[in-house]
N, C-alpha and C. Protein backbone atom coordinates (compact mmCIF):
# COMPACT_ATOMS: atom_id res chain seq x y z
N MET A 1 6.67 16.24 31.04
CA MET A 1 5.89 16.46 29.85
C MET A 1 6.39 15.54 28.75
N ALA A 2 5.70 14.48 28.49
CA ALA A 2 6.10 13.49 27.49
C ALA A 2 5.47 13.82 26.14
N ILE A 3 6.22 13.54 25.10
CA ILE A 3 5.72 13.76 23.74
C ILE A 3 4.99 12.50 23.31
N LYS A 4 3.75 12.66 22.85
CA LYS A 4 2.97 11.52 22.39
C LYS A 4 3.21 11.33 20.90
N LEU A 5 3.62 10.12 20.54
CA LEU A 5 3.88 9.80 19.15
C LEU A 5 2.90 8.74 18.67
N THR A 6 2.46 8.87 17.45
CA THR A 6 1.62 7.83 16.88
C THR A 6 2.48 6.64 16.51
N THR A 7 1.85 5.54 16.19
CA THR A 7 2.59 4.33 15.85
C THR A 7 3.45 4.54 14.61
N THR A 8 2.91 5.23 13.63
CA THR A 8 3.66 5.48 12.40
C THR A 8 4.89 6.33 12.68
N SER A 9 4.73 7.38 13.47
CA SER A 9 5.88 8.24 13.75
C SER A 9 6.92 7.52 14.59
N ARG A 10 6.50 6.59 15.44
CA ARG A 10 7.48 5.79 16.19
C ARG A 10 8.31 4.93 15.26
N TYR A 11 7.65 4.30 14.28
CA TYR A 11 8.38 3.46 13.33
C TYR A 11 9.32 4.29 12.47
N VAL A 12 8.87 5.46 12.05
CA VAL A 12 9.73 6.34 11.24
C VAL A 12 10.93 6.78 12.06
N LEU A 13 10.72 7.15 13.30
CA LEU A 13 11.82 7.55 14.17
C LEU A 13 12.78 6.39 14.40
N LEU A 14 12.26 5.18 14.59
CA LEU A 14 13.09 4.00 14.79
C LEU A 14 13.94 3.72 13.55
N VAL A 15 13.35 3.82 12.36
CA VAL A 15 14.10 3.58 11.12
C VAL A 15 15.19 4.63 10.95
N VAL A 16 14.89 5.89 11.23
CA VAL A 16 15.90 6.95 11.11
C VAL A 16 17.05 6.72 12.07
N VAL A 17 16.75 6.33 13.30
CA VAL A 17 17.80 6.07 14.29
C VAL A 17 18.65 4.87 13.86
N ILE A 18 18.02 3.83 13.33
CA ILE A 18 18.77 2.65 12.87
C ILE A 18 19.67 3.01 11.70
N ILE A 19 19.17 3.78 10.75
CA ILE A 19 19.99 4.17 9.58
C ILE A 19 21.17 5.03 10.02
N ILE A 20 20.94 6.00 10.89
CA ILE A 20 22.03 6.85 11.36
C ILE A 20 23.04 6.03 12.16
N GLY A 21 22.55 5.10 12.96
CA GLY A 21 23.45 4.23 13.73
C GLY A 21 24.31 3.35 12.83
N LEU A 22 23.69 2.72 11.84
CA LEU A 22 24.46 1.88 10.90
C LEU A 22 25.47 2.71 10.11
N HIS A 23 25.06 3.91 9.71
CA HIS A 23 25.96 4.78 8.97
C HIS A 23 27.17 5.16 9.82
N SER A 24 26.94 5.50 11.06
CA SER A 24 28.07 5.90 11.91
C SER A 24 28.98 4.72 12.22
N ILE A 25 28.41 3.54 12.45
CA ILE A 25 29.24 2.35 12.69
C ILE A 25 30.07 2.02 11.46
N LEU A 26 29.44 2.04 10.29
CA LEU A 26 30.18 1.74 9.05
C LEU A 26 31.24 2.80 8.76
N SER A 27 30.95 4.05 9.07
CA SER A 27 31.93 5.12 8.82
C SER A 27 33.19 4.94 9.66
N PHE A 28 33.02 4.49 10.90
CA PHE A 28 34.17 4.31 11.78
C PHE A 28 34.91 3.01 11.53
N THR A 29 34.20 1.96 11.10
CA THR A 29 34.86 0.66 10.97
C THR A 29 35.42 0.40 9.58
N HIS A 30 34.83 0.97 8.54
CA HIS A 30 35.29 0.75 7.17
C HIS A 30 35.80 2.06 6.58
N GLU A 31 37.08 2.10 6.30
CA GLU A 31 37.70 3.33 5.82
C GLU A 31 37.16 3.74 4.45
N ASP A 32 36.94 2.77 3.56
CA ASP A 32 36.43 3.10 2.23
C ASP A 32 35.02 3.70 2.30
N TYR A 33 34.17 3.14 3.14
CA TYR A 33 32.82 3.68 3.30
C TYR A 33 32.88 5.09 3.90
N GLY A 34 33.77 5.29 4.84
CA GLY A 34 33.92 6.61 5.44
C GLY A 34 34.37 7.66 4.43
N ARG A 35 35.30 7.26 3.54
CA ARG A 35 35.75 8.20 2.51
C ARG A 35 34.66 8.45 1.47
N ALA A 36 33.92 7.40 1.11
CA ALA A 36 32.90 7.54 0.08
C ALA A 36 31.74 8.42 0.53
N THR A 37 31.43 8.39 1.82
CA THR A 37 30.28 9.16 2.32
C THR A 37 30.68 10.43 3.04
N SER A 38 31.92 10.85 2.91
CA SER A 38 32.34 12.07 3.58
C SER A 38 31.78 13.30 2.86
N PHE A 39 31.60 14.37 3.61
CA PHE A 39 31.08 15.60 3.02
C PHE A 39 32.02 16.15 1.96
N LYS A 40 33.31 15.98 2.16
CA LYS A 40 34.28 16.49 1.20
C LYS A 40 34.14 15.78 -0.14
N ASN A 41 33.96 14.46 -0.11
CA ASN A 41 33.82 13.69 -1.34
C ASN A 41 32.50 14.01 -2.03
N ILE A 42 31.43 14.12 -1.27
CA ILE A 42 30.12 14.42 -1.86
C ILE A 42 30.12 15.83 -2.45
N ALA A 43 30.74 16.79 -1.76
CA ALA A 43 30.79 18.17 -2.26
C ALA A 43 31.64 18.27 -3.51
N SER A 44 32.68 17.45 -3.63
CA SER A 44 33.52 17.51 -4.83
C SER A 44 32.79 16.98 -6.05
N GLN A 45 31.81 16.10 -5.86
CA GLN A 45 31.05 15.57 -6.98
C GLN A 45 29.92 16.50 -7.39
N LEU A 46 29.53 17.42 -6.54
CA LEU A 46 28.48 18.38 -6.85
C LEU A 46 29.11 19.69 -7.31
N THR A 47 29.54 19.73 -8.54
CA THR A 47 30.18 20.94 -9.07
C THR A 47 29.10 21.81 -9.69
N TRP A 48 28.67 22.80 -8.94
CA TRP A 48 27.61 23.67 -9.41
C TRP A 48 28.12 24.72 -10.39
N SER A 49 29.38 25.09 -10.27
CA SER A 49 29.88 26.18 -11.10
C SER A 49 30.30 25.73 -12.49
N SER A 50 30.79 24.52 -12.64
CA SER A 50 31.26 24.07 -13.94
C SER A 50 30.12 23.40 -14.70
N ALA A 51 30.29 23.30 -16.01
CA ALA A 51 29.30 22.65 -16.85
C ALA A 51 29.32 21.15 -16.58
N SER A 52 28.15 20.58 -16.40
CA SER A 52 28.09 19.16 -16.11
C SER A 52 27.88 18.36 -17.39
N GLY A 53 28.44 17.17 -17.41
CA GLY A 53 28.27 16.29 -18.55
C GLY A 53 29.15 16.66 -19.72
N GLU A 54 29.05 15.85 -20.74
CA GLU A 54 29.83 16.09 -21.94
C GLU A 54 29.03 16.94 -22.92
N ALA A 55 29.74 17.59 -23.81
CA ALA A 55 29.08 18.41 -24.81
C ALA A 55 28.36 17.52 -25.82
N VAL A 56 27.31 18.05 -26.43
CA VAL A 56 26.56 17.31 -27.43
C VAL A 56 27.38 17.27 -28.71
N PRO A 57 27.57 16.09 -29.31
CA PRO A 57 28.38 16.02 -30.53
C PRO A 57 27.71 16.74 -31.69
N ASP A 58 28.52 17.21 -32.63
CA ASP A 58 28.01 17.97 -33.77
C ASP A 58 27.13 17.14 -34.68
N GLU A 59 27.35 15.83 -34.75
CA GLU A 59 26.53 15.01 -35.65
C GLU A 59 25.10 14.86 -35.14
N TYR A 60 24.83 15.29 -33.93
CA TYR A 60 23.47 15.23 -33.40
C TYR A 60 22.59 16.26 -34.09
N TYR A 61 23.14 17.40 -34.45
CA TYR A 61 22.38 18.48 -35.05
C TYR A 61 22.29 18.31 -36.56
N VAL A 62 21.19 18.79 -37.12
CA VAL A 62 21.01 18.80 -38.57
C VAL A 62 21.71 20.04 -39.10
N LEU A 63 22.74 19.85 -39.91
CA LEU A 63 23.53 20.97 -40.40
C LEU A 63 23.01 21.55 -41.71
N ASP A 64 22.08 20.86 -42.35
CA ASP A 64 21.56 21.31 -43.63
C ASP A 64 20.57 22.45 -43.39
N SER A 65 20.88 23.64 -43.89
CA SER A 65 20.00 24.79 -43.67
C SER A 65 18.75 24.72 -44.54
N ASP A 66 18.77 23.89 -45.60
CA ASP A 66 17.60 23.75 -46.47
C ASP A 66 16.56 22.80 -45.88
N ALA A 67 16.85 22.20 -44.76
CA ALA A 67 15.96 21.20 -44.17
C ALA A 67 14.88 21.90 -43.34
N THR A 68 13.95 22.56 -44.03
CA THR A 68 12.88 23.25 -43.33
C THR A 68 11.62 22.41 -43.26
N HIS A 69 11.48 21.43 -44.13
CA HIS A 69 10.30 20.57 -44.13
C HIS A 69 10.42 19.57 -42.98
N PRO A 70 9.34 19.34 -42.22
CA PRO A 70 9.43 18.42 -41.07
C PRO A 70 9.81 16.99 -41.45
N ASP A 71 9.46 16.54 -42.67
CA ASP A 71 9.82 15.17 -43.07
C ASP A 71 11.32 15.01 -43.27
N SER A 72 12.02 16.09 -43.50
CA SER A 72 13.47 15.99 -43.70
C SER A 72 14.20 15.73 -42.38
N LEU A 73 13.55 15.96 -41.26
CA LEU A 73 14.18 15.72 -39.96
C LEU A 73 14.04 14.28 -39.49
N LEU A 74 13.37 13.43 -40.28
CA LEU A 74 13.13 12.06 -39.88
C LEU A 74 14.29 11.13 -40.21
N SER A 75 15.42 11.67 -40.62
CA SER A 75 16.55 10.81 -40.97
C SER A 75 17.17 10.18 -39.73
N ARG A 76 17.02 10.78 -38.59
CA ARG A 76 17.57 10.22 -37.36
C ARG A 76 16.41 9.62 -36.56
N ARG A 77 16.55 8.33 -36.21
CA ARG A 77 15.48 7.64 -35.50
C ARG A 77 15.95 7.20 -34.13
N ALA A 78 15.01 7.05 -33.25
CA ALA A 78 15.31 6.59 -31.90
C ALA A 78 14.41 5.40 -31.58
N ASN A 79 14.93 4.50 -30.76
CA ASN A 79 14.13 3.37 -30.32
C ASN A 79 13.31 3.80 -29.11
N ALA A 80 12.08 3.31 -29.05
CA ALA A 80 11.21 3.65 -27.93
C ALA A 80 10.43 2.41 -27.52
N THR A 81 10.13 2.33 -26.25
CA THR A 81 9.35 1.22 -25.72
C THR A 81 8.31 1.78 -24.77
N ILE A 82 7.11 1.25 -24.87
CA ILE A 82 6.04 1.66 -23.95
C ILE A 82 5.62 0.42 -23.17
N LEU A 83 5.58 0.55 -21.88
CA LEU A 83 5.15 -0.53 -21.00
C LEU A 83 3.95 -0.04 -20.22
N MET A 84 2.84 -0.73 -20.37
CA MET A 84 1.63 -0.34 -19.67
C MET A 84 1.20 -1.49 -18.77
N LEU A 85 0.96 -1.17 -17.52
CA LEU A 85 0.51 -2.16 -16.55
C LEU A 85 -0.91 -1.82 -16.12
N ALA A 86 -1.75 -2.84 -16.04
CA ALA A 86 -3.13 -2.62 -15.61
C ALA A 86 -3.60 -3.81 -14.80
N ARG A 87 -4.48 -3.54 -13.88
CA ARG A 87 -5.07 -4.62 -13.11
C ARG A 87 -6.24 -5.21 -13.89
N ASN A 88 -6.70 -6.37 -13.49
CA ASN A 88 -7.81 -7.02 -14.18
C ASN A 88 -9.09 -6.21 -14.08
N SER A 89 -9.25 -5.45 -13.03
CA SER A 89 -10.48 -4.68 -12.86
C SER A 89 -10.47 -3.38 -13.65
N ASP A 90 -9.34 -2.99 -14.20
CA ASP A 90 -9.26 -1.72 -14.93
C ASP A 90 -9.58 -1.89 -16.39
């Protein structure tokens, strides 16, 4: 009883096998790659219990309690860029 695979699924399976093969070869031949991709190293970087990142500095917040008008919050500005791509037919 053979499993029939479409062409797309064959290519996906081939790519997955190649990636796993390269990963295993690199893990055994290069010590640094093996350490970097080990489960222990990856799990140590995923700290779910502790707070991630640094705390927000106090100067980020507006400390003036009289600043209820929306225009008073415009003292801090941010740079922004918009990039729009379109084809000639659009």
